[in-house]
Amino acid sequence: MSEQSPRVDRSKQALQVYASADEQTRAVIEKELDRVDALDNRQIDLNGRGLNYGIIVTLAFLAACVFLIASGHGAEGTILGVIFIVALMAVFVVSRRG
């Protein structure tokens, strides 16, 4: 026999409470669920926006490095590129730990 996880038990308890609740309590529960759903959707939108901004910044730095190197400023373009790569790696490391 397999045991159910505590999360499944809690979910079943929540459904039982909802099923046995009166109309006013159900309305409050539904309003709270709508609020939580709206917050989740907002968080998803913000995460997507952050990824888009990250791509834009990455491409801008890459273009700046290529422009500097192509225009004869090889040292400056290389230094900017190395600093950017190190900063990008730091962001990935911090986001993996957090």
PDB file of N, CA and C in Angstrom:
ATOM      1  N   MET A   1       0.832  -1.174   0.000  1.00  0.00           N
ATOM      2  CA  MET A   1       0.000   0.000   0.000  1.00  0.00           C
ATOM      3  C   MET A   1       0.879   1.240   0.000  1.00  0.00           C
ATOM      4  N   SER A   2       0.480   2.169  -0.799  1.00  0.00           N
ATOM      5  CA  SER A   2       1.247   3.413  -0.853  1.00  0.00           C
ATOM      6  C   SER A   2       0.580   4.466   0.023  1.00  0.00           C
ATOM      7  N   GLU A   3       1.422   5.208   0.723  1.00  0.00           N
ATOM      8  CA  GLU A   3       0.906   6.275   1.586  1.00  0.00           C
ATOM      9  C   GLU A   3       0.777   7.553   0.771  1.00  0.00           C
ATOM     10  N   GLN A   4      -0.249   8.336   1.072  1.00  0.00           N
ATOM     11  CA  GLN A   4      -0.430   9.600   0.393  1.00  0.00           C
ATOM     12  C   GLN A   4       0.409  10.669   1.088  1.00  0.00           C
ATOM     13  N   SER A   5       0.868  11.605   0.294  1.00  0.00           N
ATOM     14  CA  SER A   5       1.688  12.670   0.860  1.00  0.00           C
ATOM     15  C   SER A   5       0.818  13.607   1.687  1.00  0.00           C
ATOM     16  N   PRO A   6       1.430  14.331   2.635  1.00  0.00           N
ATOM     17  CA  PRO A   6       0.664  15.290   3.442  1.00  0.00           C
ATOM     18  C   PRO A   6      -0.004  16.365   2.596  1.00  0.00           C
ATOM     19  N   ARG A   7       0.606  16.705   1.460  1.00  0.00           N
ATOM     20  CA  ARG A   7       0.026  17.719   0.585  1.00  0.00           C
ATOM     21  C   ARG A   7      -1.305  17.232   0.013  1.00  0.00           C
ATOM     22  N   VAL A   8      -1.374  15.958  -0.365  1.00  0.00           N
ATOM     23  CA  VAL A   8      -2.613  15.399  -0.903  1.00  0.00           C
ATOM     24  C   VAL A   8      -3.673  15.371   0.188  1.00  0.00           C
ATOM     25  N   ASP A   9      -3.290  14.989   1.407  1.00  0.00           N
ATOM     26  CA  ASP A   9      -4.231  14.972   2.521  1.00  0.00           C
ATOM     27  C   ASP A   9      -4.772  16.376   2.796  1.00  0.00           C
ATOM     28  N   ARG A  10      -3.886  17.364   2.780  1.00  0.00           N
ATOM     29  CA  ARG A  10      -4.302  18.740   3.007  1.00  0.00           C
ATOM     30  C   ARG A  10      -5.247  19.217   1.913  1.00  0.00           C
ATOM     31  N   SER A  11      -4.963  18.796   0.686  1.00  0.00           N
ATOM     32  CA  SER A  11      -5.809  19.183  -0.428  1.00  0.00           C
ATOM     33  C   SER A  11      -7.203  18.576  -0.285  1.00  0.00           C
ATOM     34  N   LYS A  12      -7.249  17.329   0.125  1.00  0.00           N
ATOM     35  CA  LYS A  12      -8.550  16.685   0.335  1.00  0.00           C
ATOM     36  C   LYS A  12      -9.309  17.345   1.476  1.00  0.00           C
ATOM     37  N   GLN A  13      -8.604  17.728   2.517  1.00  0.00           N
ATOM     38  CA  GLN A  13      -9.250  18.408   3.640  1.00  0.00           C
ATOM     39  C   GLN A  13      -9.801  19.758   3.184  1.00  0.00           C
ATOM     40  N   ALA A  14      -9.050  20.470   2.373  1.00  0.00           N
ATOM     41  CA  ALA A  14      -9.515  21.766   1.881  1.00  0.00           C
ATOM     42  C   ALA A  14     -10.758  21.598   1.015  1.00  0.00           C
ATOM     43  N   LEU A  15     -10.788  20.557   0.193  1.00  0.00           N
ATOM     44  CA  LEU A  15     -11.966  20.310  -0.635  1.00  0.00           C
ATOM     45  C   LEU A  15     -13.178  19.936   0.216  1.00  0.00           C
ATOM     46  N   GLN A  16     -12.941  19.183   1.275  1.00  0.00           N
ATOM     47  CA  GLN A  16     -14.043  18.821   2.165  1.00  0.00           C
ATOM     48  C   GLN A  16     -14.592  20.058   2.875  1.00  0.00           C
ATOM     49  N   VAL A  17     -13.716  20.942   3.305  1.00  0.00           N
ATOM     50  CA  VAL A  17     -14.151  22.178   3.954  1.00  0.00           C
ATOM     51  C   VAL A  17     -14.949  23.013   2.971  1.00  0.00           C
ATOM     52  N   TYR A  18     -14.472  23.117   1.740  1.00  0.00           N
ATOM     53  CA  TYR A  18     -15.181  23.896   0.728  1.00  0.00           C
ATOM     54  C   TYR A  18     -16.557  23.285   0.440  1.00  0.00           C
ATOM     55  N   ALA A  19     -16.608  21.957   0.338  1.00  0.00           N
ATOM     56  CA  ALA A  19     -17.870  21.289   0.025  1.00  0.00           C
ATOM     57  C   ALA A  19     -18.903  21.477   1.136  1.00  0.00           C
ATOM     58  N   SER A  20     -18.442  21.542   2.371  1.00  0.00           N
ATOM     59  CA  SER A  20     -19.383  21.666   3.490  1.00  0.00           C
ATOM     60  C   SER A  20     -19.648  23.122   3.892  1.00  0.00           C
ATOM     61  N   ALA A  21     -19.042  24.076   3.195  1.00  0.00           N
ATOM     62  CA  ALA A  21     -19.187  25.494   3.554  1.00  0.00           C
ATOM     63  C   ALA A  21     -20.495  26.064   3.009  1.00  0.00           C
ATOM     64  N   ASP A  22     -20.954  27.126   3.663  1.00  0.00           N
ATOM     65  CA  ASP A  22     -22.151  27.808   3.181  1.00  0.00           C
ATOM     66  C   ASP A  22     -21.773  28.746   2.032  1.00  0.00           C
ATOM     67  N   GLU A  23     -22.752  29.379   1.417  1.00  0.00           N
ATOM     68  CA  GLU A  23     -22.531  30.208   0.231  1.00  0.00           C
ATOM     69  C   GLU A  23     -21.606  31.393   0.501  1.00  0.00           C
ATOM     70  N   GLN A  24     -21.768  32.030   1.661  1.00  0.00           N
ATOM     71  CA  GLN A  24     -20.937  33.197   1.975  1.00  0.00           C
ATOM     72  C   GLN A  24     -19.480  32.777   2.126  1.00  0.00           C
ATOM     73  N   THR A  25     -19.241  31.670   2.793  1.00  0.00           N
ATOM     74  CA  THR A  25     -17.871  31.179   2.972  1.00  0.00           C
ATOM     75  C   THR A  25     -17.288  30.754   1.629  1.00  0.00           C
ATOM     76  N   ARG A  26     -18.087  30.120   0.784  1.00  0.00           N
ATOM     77  CA  ARG A  26     -17.613  29.736  -0.544  1.00  0.00           C
ATOM     78  C   ARG A  26     -17.229  30.975  -1.357  1.00  0.00           C
ATOM     79  N   ALA A  27     -18.023  32.026  -1.243  1.00  0.00           N
ATOM     80  CA  ALA A  27     -17.710  33.257  -1.976  1.00  0.00           C
ATOM     81  C   ALA A  27     -16.372  33.836  -1.517  1.00  0.00           C
ATOM     82  N   VAL A  28     -16.113  33.794  -0.205  1.00  0.00           N
ATOM     83  CA  VAL A  28     -14.840  34.300   0.327  1.00  0.00           C
ATOM     84  C   VAL A  28     -13.690  33.428  -0.167  1.00  0.00           C
ATOM     85  N   ILE A  29     -13.885  32.107  -0.146  1.00  0.00           N
ATOM     86  CA  ILE A  29     -12.831  31.189  -0.609  1.00  0.00           C
ATOM     87  C   ILE A  29     -12.551  31.421  -2.093  1.00  0.00           C
ATOM     88  N   GLU A  30     -13.591  31.563  -2.898  1.00  0.00           N
ATOM     89  CA  GLU A  30     -13.406  31.782  -4.331  1.00  0.00           C
ATOM     90  C   GLU A  30     -12.725  33.116  -4.605  1.00  0.00           C
ATOM     91  N   LYS A  31     -13.077  34.130  -3.831  1.00  0.00           N
ATOM     92  CA  LYS A  31     -12.432  35.429  -3.998  1.00  0.00           C
ATOM     93  C   LYS A  31     -10.939  35.329  -3.670  1.00  0.00           C
ATOM     94  N   GLU A  32     -10.605  34.615  -2.620  1.00  0.00           N
ATOM     95  CA  GLU A  32      -9.192  34.440  -2.247  1.00  0.00           C
ATOM     96  C   GLU A  32      -8.448  33.628  -3.304  1.00  0.00           C
ATOM     97  N   LEU A  33      -9.086  32.591  -3.835  1.00  0.00           N
ATOM     98  CA  LEU A  33      -8.449  31.802  -4.893  1.00  0.00           C
ATOM     99  C   LEU A  33      -8.225  32.644  -6.146  1.00  0.00           C
ATOM    100  N   ASP A  34      -9.173  33.521  -6.470  1.00  0.00           N
ATOM    101  CA  ASP A  34      -8.987  34.423  -7.610  1.00  0.00           C
ATOM    102  C   ASP A  34      -7.828  35.385  -7.359  1.00  0.00           C
ATOM    103  N   ARG A  35      -7.707  35.868  -6.133  1.00  0.00           N
ATOM    104  CA  ARG A  35      -6.610  36.779  -5.788  1.00  0.00           C
ATOM    105  C   ARG A  35      -5.263  36.080  -5.914  1.00  0.00           C
ATOM    106  N   VAL A  36      -5.182  34.850  -5.402  1.00  0.00           N
ATOM    107  CA  VAL A  36      -3.935  34.082  -5.480  1.00  0.00           C
ATOM    108  C   VAL A  36      -3.597  33.786  -6.939  1.00  0.00           C
ATOM    109  N   ASP A  37      -4.613  33.454  -7.742  1.00  0.00           N
ATOM    110  CA  ASP A  37      -4.393  33.190  -9.160  1.00  0.00           C
ATOM    111  C   ASP A  37      -3.879  34.438  -9.874  1.00  0.00           C
ATOM    112  N   ALA A  38      -4.446  35.592  -9.540  1.00  0.00           N
ATOM    113  CA  ALA A  38      -3.986  36.851 -10.145  1.00  0.00           C
ATOM    114  C   ALA A  38      -2.537  37.148  -9.757  1.00  0.00           C
ATOM    115  N   LEU A  39      -2.181  36.876  -8.503  1.00  0.00           N
ATOM    116  CA  LEU A  39      -0.793  37.084  -8.068  1.00  0.00           C
ATOM    117  C   LEU A  39       0.160  36.144  -8.798  1.00  0.00           C
ATOM    118  N   ASP A  40      -0.261  34.897  -8.983  1.00  0.00           N
ATOM    119  CA  ASP A  40       0.574  33.947  -9.723  1.00  0.00           C
ATOM    120  C   ASP A  40       0.779  34.403 -11.162  1.00  0.00           C
ATOM    121  N   ASN A  41      -0.304  34.863 -11.794  1.00  0.00           N
ATOM    122  CA  ASN A  41      -0.192  35.341 -13.175  1.00  0.00           C
ATOM    123  C   ASN A  41       0.711  36.560 -13.266  1.00  0.00           C
ATOM    124  N   ARG A  42       0.630  37.451 -12.282  1.00  0.00           N
ATOM    125  CA  ARG A  42       1.502  38.635 -12.266  1.00  0.00           C
ATOM    126  C   ARG A  42       2.966  38.223 -12.114  1.00  0.00           C
ATOM    127  N   GLN A  43       3.229  37.244 -11.257  1.00  0.00           N
ATOM    128  CA  GLN A  43       4.600  36.766 -11.064  1.00  0.00           C
ATOM    129  C   GLN A  43       5.135  36.142 -12.353  1.00  0.00           C
ATOM    130  N   ILE A  44       4.300  35.400 -13.056  1.00  0.00           N
ATOM    131  CA  ILE A  44       4.714  34.801 -14.327  1.00  0.00           C
ATOM    132  C   ILE A  44       5.032  35.895 -15.339  1.00  0.00           C
ATOM    133  N   ASP A  45       4.186  36.925 -15.407  1.00  0.00           N
ATOM    134  CA  ASP A  45       4.434  38.036 -16.322  1.00  0.00           C
ATOM    135  C   ASP A  45       5.731  38.756 -15.996  1.00  0.00           C
ATOM    136  N   LEU A  46       5.988  38.986 -14.703  1.00  0.00           N
ATOM    137  CA  LEU A  46       7.220  39.673 -14.300  1.00  0.00           C
ATOM    138  C   LEU A  46       8.452  38.828 -14.614  1.00  0.00           C
ATOM    139  N   ASN A  47       8.357  37.522 -14.426  1.00  0.00           N
ATOM    140  CA  ASN A  47       9.488  36.650 -14.751  1.00  0.00           C
ATOM    141  C   ASN A  47       9.778  36.689 -16.248  1.00  0.00           C
ATOM    142  N   GLY A  48       8.728  36.660 -17.059  1.00  0.00           N
ATOM    143  CA  GLY A  48       8.910  36.733 -18.507  1.00  0.00           C
ATOM    144  C   GLY A  48       9.498  38.060 -18.930  1.00  0.00           C
ATOM    145  N   ARG A  49       9.036  39.142 -18.306  1.00  0.00           N
ATOM    146  CA  ARG A  49       9.566  40.466 -18.617  1.00  0.00           C
ATOM    147  C   ARG A  49      11.041  40.549 -18.245  1.00  0.00           C
ATOM    148  N   GLY A  50      11.408  39.971 -17.105  1.00  0.00           N
ATOM    149  CA  GLY A  50      12.807  39.973 -16.682  1.00  0.00           C
ATOM    150  C   GLY A  50      13.695  39.218 -17.660  1.00  0.00           C
ATOM    151  N   LEU A  51      13.203  38.101 -18.180  1.00  0.00           N
ATOM    152  CA  LEU A  51      13.971  37.354 -19.174  1.00  0.00           C
ATOM    153  C   LEU A  51      14.147  38.159 -20.458  1.00  0.00           C
ATOM    154  N   ASN A  52      13.095  38.847 -20.868  1.00  0.00           N
ATOM    155  CA  ASN A  52      13.207  39.680 -22.077  1.00  0.00           C
ATOM    156  C   ASN A  52      14.214  40.801 -21.882  1.00  0.00           C
ATOM    157  N   TYR A  53      14.166  41.470 -20.733  1.00  0.00           N
ATOM    158  CA  TYR A  53      15.131  42.528 -20.463  1.00  0.00           C
ATOM    159  C   TYR A  53      16.559  41.975 -20.399  1.00  0.00           C
ATOM    160  N   GLY A  54      16.710  40.797 -19.831  1.00  0.00           N
ATOM    161  CA  GLY A  54      18.033  40.173 -19.772  1.00  0.00           C
ATOM    162  C   GLY A  54      18.597  39.892 -21.153  1.00  0.00           C
ATOM    163  N   ILE A  55      17.755  39.427 -22.060  1.00  0.00           N
ATOM    164  CA  ILE A  55      18.207  39.173 -23.429  1.00  0.00           C
ATOM    165  C   ILE A  55      18.595  40.478 -24.109  1.00  0.00           C
ATOM    166  N   ILE A  56      17.806  41.523 -23.908  1.00  0.00           N
ATOM    167  CA  ILE A  56      18.105  42.824 -24.526  1.00  0.00           C
ATOM    168  C   ILE A  56      19.444  43.371 -24.028  1.00  0.00           C
ATOM    169  N   VAL A  57      19.665  43.290 -22.712  1.00  0.00           N
ATOM    170  CA  VAL A  57      20.930  43.785 -22.140  1.00  0.00           C
ATOM    171  C   VAL A  57      22.105  42.951 -22.642  1.00  0.00           C
ATOM    172  N   THR A  58      21.921  41.644 -22.713  1.00  0.00           N
ATOM    173  CA  THR A  58      22.991  40.770 -23.202  1.00  0.00           C
ATOM    174  C   THR A  58      23.359  41.108 -24.642  1.00  0.00           C
ATOM    175  N   LEU A  59      22.356  41.253 -25.490  1.00  0.00           N
ATOM    176  CA  LEU A  59      22.639  41.579 -26.892  1.00  0.00           C
ATOM    177  C   LEU A  59      23.258  42.975 -27.033  1.00  0.00           C
ATOM    178  N   ALA A  60      22.844  43.910 -26.184  1.00  0.00           N
ATOM    179  CA  ALA A  60      23.416  45.258 -26.234  1.00  0.00           C
ATOM    180  C   ALA A  60      24.896  45.232 -25.851  1.00  0.00           C
ATOM    181  N   PHE A  61      25.233  44.490 -24.806  1.00  0.00           N
ATOM    182  CA  PHE A  61      26.647  44.395 -24.420  1.00  0.00           C
ATOM    183  C   PHE A  61      27.458  43.671 -25.484  1.00  0.00           C
ATOM    184  N   LEU A  62      26.889  42.633 -26.064  1.00  0.00           N
ATOM    185  CA  LEU A  62      27.593  41.924 -27.126  1.00  0.00           C
ATOM    186  C   LEU A  62      27.839  42.849 -28.314  1.00  0.00           C
ATOM    187  N   ALA A  63      26.835  43.623 -28.693  1.00  0.00           N
ATOM    188  CA  ALA A  63      26.990  44.570 -29.800  1.00  0.00           C
ATOM    189  C   ALA A  63      28.029  45.634 -29.465  1.00  0.00           C
ATOM    190  N   ALA A  64      28.032  46.118 -28.217  1.00  0.00           N
ATOM    191  CA  ALA A  64      29.018  47.124 -27.813  1.00  0.00           C
ATOM    192  C   ALA A  64      30.432  46.559 -27.877  1.00  0.00           C
ATOM    193  N   CYS A  65      30.604  45.333 -27.437  1.00  0.00           N
ATOM    194  CA  CYS A  65      31.938  44.701 -27.487  1.00  0.00           C
ATOM    195  C   CYS A  65      32.401  44.527 -28.926  1.00  0.00           C
ATOM    196  N   VAL A  66      31.518  44.037 -29.786  1.00  0.00           N
ATOM    197  CA  VAL A  66      31.868  43.843 -31.197  1.00  0.00           C
ATOM    198  C   VAL A  66      32.177  45.185 -31.847  1.00  0.00           C
ATOM    199  N   PHE A  67      31.380  46.214 -31.559  1.00  0.00           N
ATOM    200  CA  PHE A  67      31.625  47.530 -32.131  1.00  0.00           C
ATOM    201  C   PHE A  67      32.977  48.085 -31.692  1.00  0.00           C
ATOM    202  N   LEU A  68      33.275  47.956 -30.382  1.00  0.00           N
ATOM    203  CA  LEU A  68      34.561  48.476 -29.897  1.00  0.00           C
ATOM    204  C   LEU A  68      35.731  47.749 -30.538  1.00  0.00           C
ATOM    205  N   ILE A  69      35.639  46.438 -30.639  1.00  0.00           N
ATOM    206  CA  ILE A  69      36.746  45.679 -31.228  1.00  0.00           C
ATOM    207  C   ILE A  69      36.871  45.993 -32.715  1.00  0.00           C
ATOM    208  N   ALA A  70      35.738  46.096 -33.430  1.00  0.00           N
ATOM    209  CA  ALA A  70      35.769  46.378 -34.874  1.00  0.00           C
ATOM    210  C   ALA A  70      36.261  47.790 -35.169  1.00  0.00           C
ATOM    211  N   SER A  71      36.057  48.718 -34.243  1.00  0.00           N
ATOM    212  CA  SER A  71      36.481  50.095 -34.497  1.00  0.00           C
ATOM    213  C   SER A  71      37.901  50.379 -34.009  1.00  0.00           C
ATOM    214  N   GLY A  72      38.642  49.342 -33.670  1.00  0.00           N
ATOM    215  CA  GLY A  72      40.043  49.523 -33.324  1.00  0.00           C
ATOM    216  C   GLY A  72      40.331  49.641 -31.846  1.00  0.00           C
ATOM    217  N   HIS A  73      39.348  49.481 -31.022  1.00  0.00           N
ATOM    218  CA  HIS A  73      39.548  49.531 -29.572  1.00  0.00           C
ATOM    219  C   HIS A  73      39.467  48.113 -29.013  1.00  0.00           C
ATOM    220  N   GLY A  74      40.441  47.307 -29.437  1.00  0.00           N
ATOM    221  CA  GLY A  74      40.426  45.894 -29.075  1.00  0.00           C
ATOM    222  C   GLY A  74      40.536  45.636 -27.591  1.00  0.00           C
ATOM    223  N   ALA A  75      41.389  46.379 -26.907  1.00  0.00           N
ATOM    224  CA  ALA A  75      41.584  46.164 -25.472  1.00  0.00           C
ATOM    225  C   ALA A  75      40.323  46.528 -24.698  1.00  0.00           C
ATOM    226  N   GLU A  76      39.742  47.665 -25.043  1.00  0.00           N
ATOM    227  CA  GLU A  76      38.529  48.096 -24.334  1.00  0.00           C
ATOM    228  C   GLU A  76      37.363  47.138 -24.576  1.00  0.00           C
ATOM    229  N   GLY A  77      37.205  46.709 -25.830  1.00  0.00           N
ATOM    230  CA  GLY A  77      36.140  45.771 -26.163  1.00  0.00           C
ATOM    231  C   GLY A  77      36.331  44.431 -25.472  1.00  0.00           C
ATOM    232  N   THR A  78      37.572  43.974 -25.415  1.00  0.00           N
ATOM    233  CA  THR A  78      37.861  42.702 -24.747  1.00  0.00           C
ATOM    234  C   THR A  78      37.622  42.811 -23.249  1.00  0.00           C
ATOM    235  N   ILE A  79      38.072  43.901 -22.646  1.00  0.00           N
ATOM    236  CA  ILE A  79      37.870  44.094 -21.199  1.00  0.00           C
ATOM    237  C   ILE A  79      36.375  44.159 -20.881  1.00  0.00           C
ATOM    238  N   LEU A  80      35.623  44.925 -21.671  1.00  0.00           N
ATOM    239  CA  LEU A  80      34.182  45.014 -21.457  1.00  0.00           C
ATOM    240  C   LEU A  80      33.526  43.641 -21.619  1.00  0.00           C
ATOM    241  N   GLY A  81      33.939  42.884 -22.608  1.00  0.00           N
ATOM    242  CA  GLY A  81      33.390  41.548 -22.832  1.00  0.00           C
ATOM    243  C   GLY A  81      33.687  40.603 -21.688  1.00  0.00           C
ATOM    244  N   VAL A  82      34.922  40.637 -21.190  1.00  0.00           N
ATOM    245  CA  VAL A  82      35.298  39.754 -20.074  1.00  0.00           C
ATOM    246  C   VAL A  82      34.525  40.128 -18.813  1.00  0.00           C
ATOM    247  N   ILE A  83      34.428  41.416 -18.532  1.00  0.00           N
ATOM    248  CA  ILE A  83      33.677  41.860 -17.353  1.00  0.00           C
ATOM    249  C   ILE A  83      32.214  41.427 -17.475  1.00  0.00           C
ATOM    250  N   PHE A  84      31.656  41.576 -18.677  1.00  0.00           N
ATOM    251  CA  PHE A  84      30.263  41.187 -18.880  1.00  0.00           C
ATOM    252  C   PHE A  84      30.069  39.687 -18.692  1.00  0.00           C
ATOM    253  N   ILE A  85      30.962  38.887 -19.218  1.00  0.00           N
ATOM    254  CA  ILE A  85      30.841  37.427 -19.068  1.00  0.00           C
ATOM    255  C   ILE A  85      30.952  37.035 -17.602  1.00  0.00           C
ATOM    256  N   VAL A  86      31.868  37.632 -16.865  1.00  0.00           N
ATOM    257  CA  VAL A  86      32.006  37.331 -15.431  1.00  0.00           C
ATOM    258  C   VAL A  86      30.743  37.744 -14.684  1.00  0.00           C
ATOM    259  N   ALA A  87      30.185  38.907 -15.001  1.00  0.00           N
ATOM    260  CA  ALA A  87      28.954  39.357 -14.349  1.00  0.00           C
ATOM    261  C   ALA A  87      27.787  38.434 -14.684  1.00  0.00           C
ATOM    262  N   LEU A  88      27.702  37.987 -15.928  1.00  0.00           N
ATOM    263  CA  LEU A  88      26.641  37.072 -16.336  1.00  0.00           C
ATOM    264  C   LEU A  88      26.757  35.741 -15.606  1.00  0.00           C
ATOM    265  N   MET A  89      27.973  35.240 -15.467  1.00  0.00           N
ATOM    266  CA  MET A  89      28.189  33.991 -14.725  1.00  0.00           C
ATOM    267  C   MET A  89      27.801  34.174 -13.258  1.00  0.00           C
ATOM    268  N   ALA A  90      28.111  35.320 -12.682  1.00  0.00           N
ATOM    269  CA  ALA A  90      27.740  35.583 -11.288  1.00  0.00           C
ATOM    270  C   ALA A  90      26.224  35.596 -11.115  1.00  0.00           C
ATOM    271  N   VAL A  91      25.517  36.170 -12.075  1.00  0.00           N
ATOM    272  CA  VAL A  91      24.057  36.179 -11.994  1.00  0.00           C
ATOM    273  C   VAL A  91      23.507  34.753 -12.037  1.00  0.00           C
ATOM    274  N   PHE A  92      24.052  33.912 -12.905  1.00  0.00           N
ATOM    275  CA  PHE A  92      23.584  32.529 -12.970  1.00  0.00           C
ATOM    276  C   PHE A  92      23.883  31.765 -11.691  1.00  0.00           C
ATOM    277  N   VAL A  93      25.054  31.981 -11.120  1.00  0.00           N
ATOM    278  CA  VAL A  93      25.414  31.277  -9.883  1.00  0.00           C
ATOM    279  C   VAL A  93      24.516  31.714  -8.737  1.00  0.00           C
ATOM    280  N   VAL A  94      24.283  33.016  -8.608  1.00  0.00           N
ATOM    281  CA  VAL A  94      23.430  33.520  -7.529  1.00  0.00           C
ATOM    282  C   VAL A  94      21.997  33.039  -7.712  1.00  0.00           C
ATOM    283  N   SER A  95      21.489  33.012  -8.951  1.00  0.00           N
ATOM    284  CA  SER A  95      20.110  32.575  -9.175  1.00  0.00           C
ATOM    285  C   SER A  95      19.948  31.076  -8.915  1.00  0.00           C
ATOM    286  N   ARG A  96      20.964  30.282  -9.125  1.00  0.00           N
ATOM    287  CA  ARG A  96      20.886  28.841  -8.842  1.00  0.00           C
ATOM    288  C   ARG A  96      20.860  28.572  -7.346  1.00  0.00           C
ATOM    289  N   ARG A  97      21.581  29.388  -6.583  1.00  0.00           N
ATOM    290  CA  ARG A  97      21.627  29.190  -5.119  1.00  0.00           C
ATOM    291  C   ARG A  97      20.364  29.716  -4.438  1.00  0.00           C
ATOM    292  N   GLY A  98      19.750  30.740  -5.026  1.00  0.00           N
ATOM    293  CA  GLY A  98      18.608  31.398  -4.401  1.00  0.00           C
ATOM    294  C   GLY A  98      17.331  30.773  -4.702  1.00  0.00           C
TER     295      GLY A  98
END
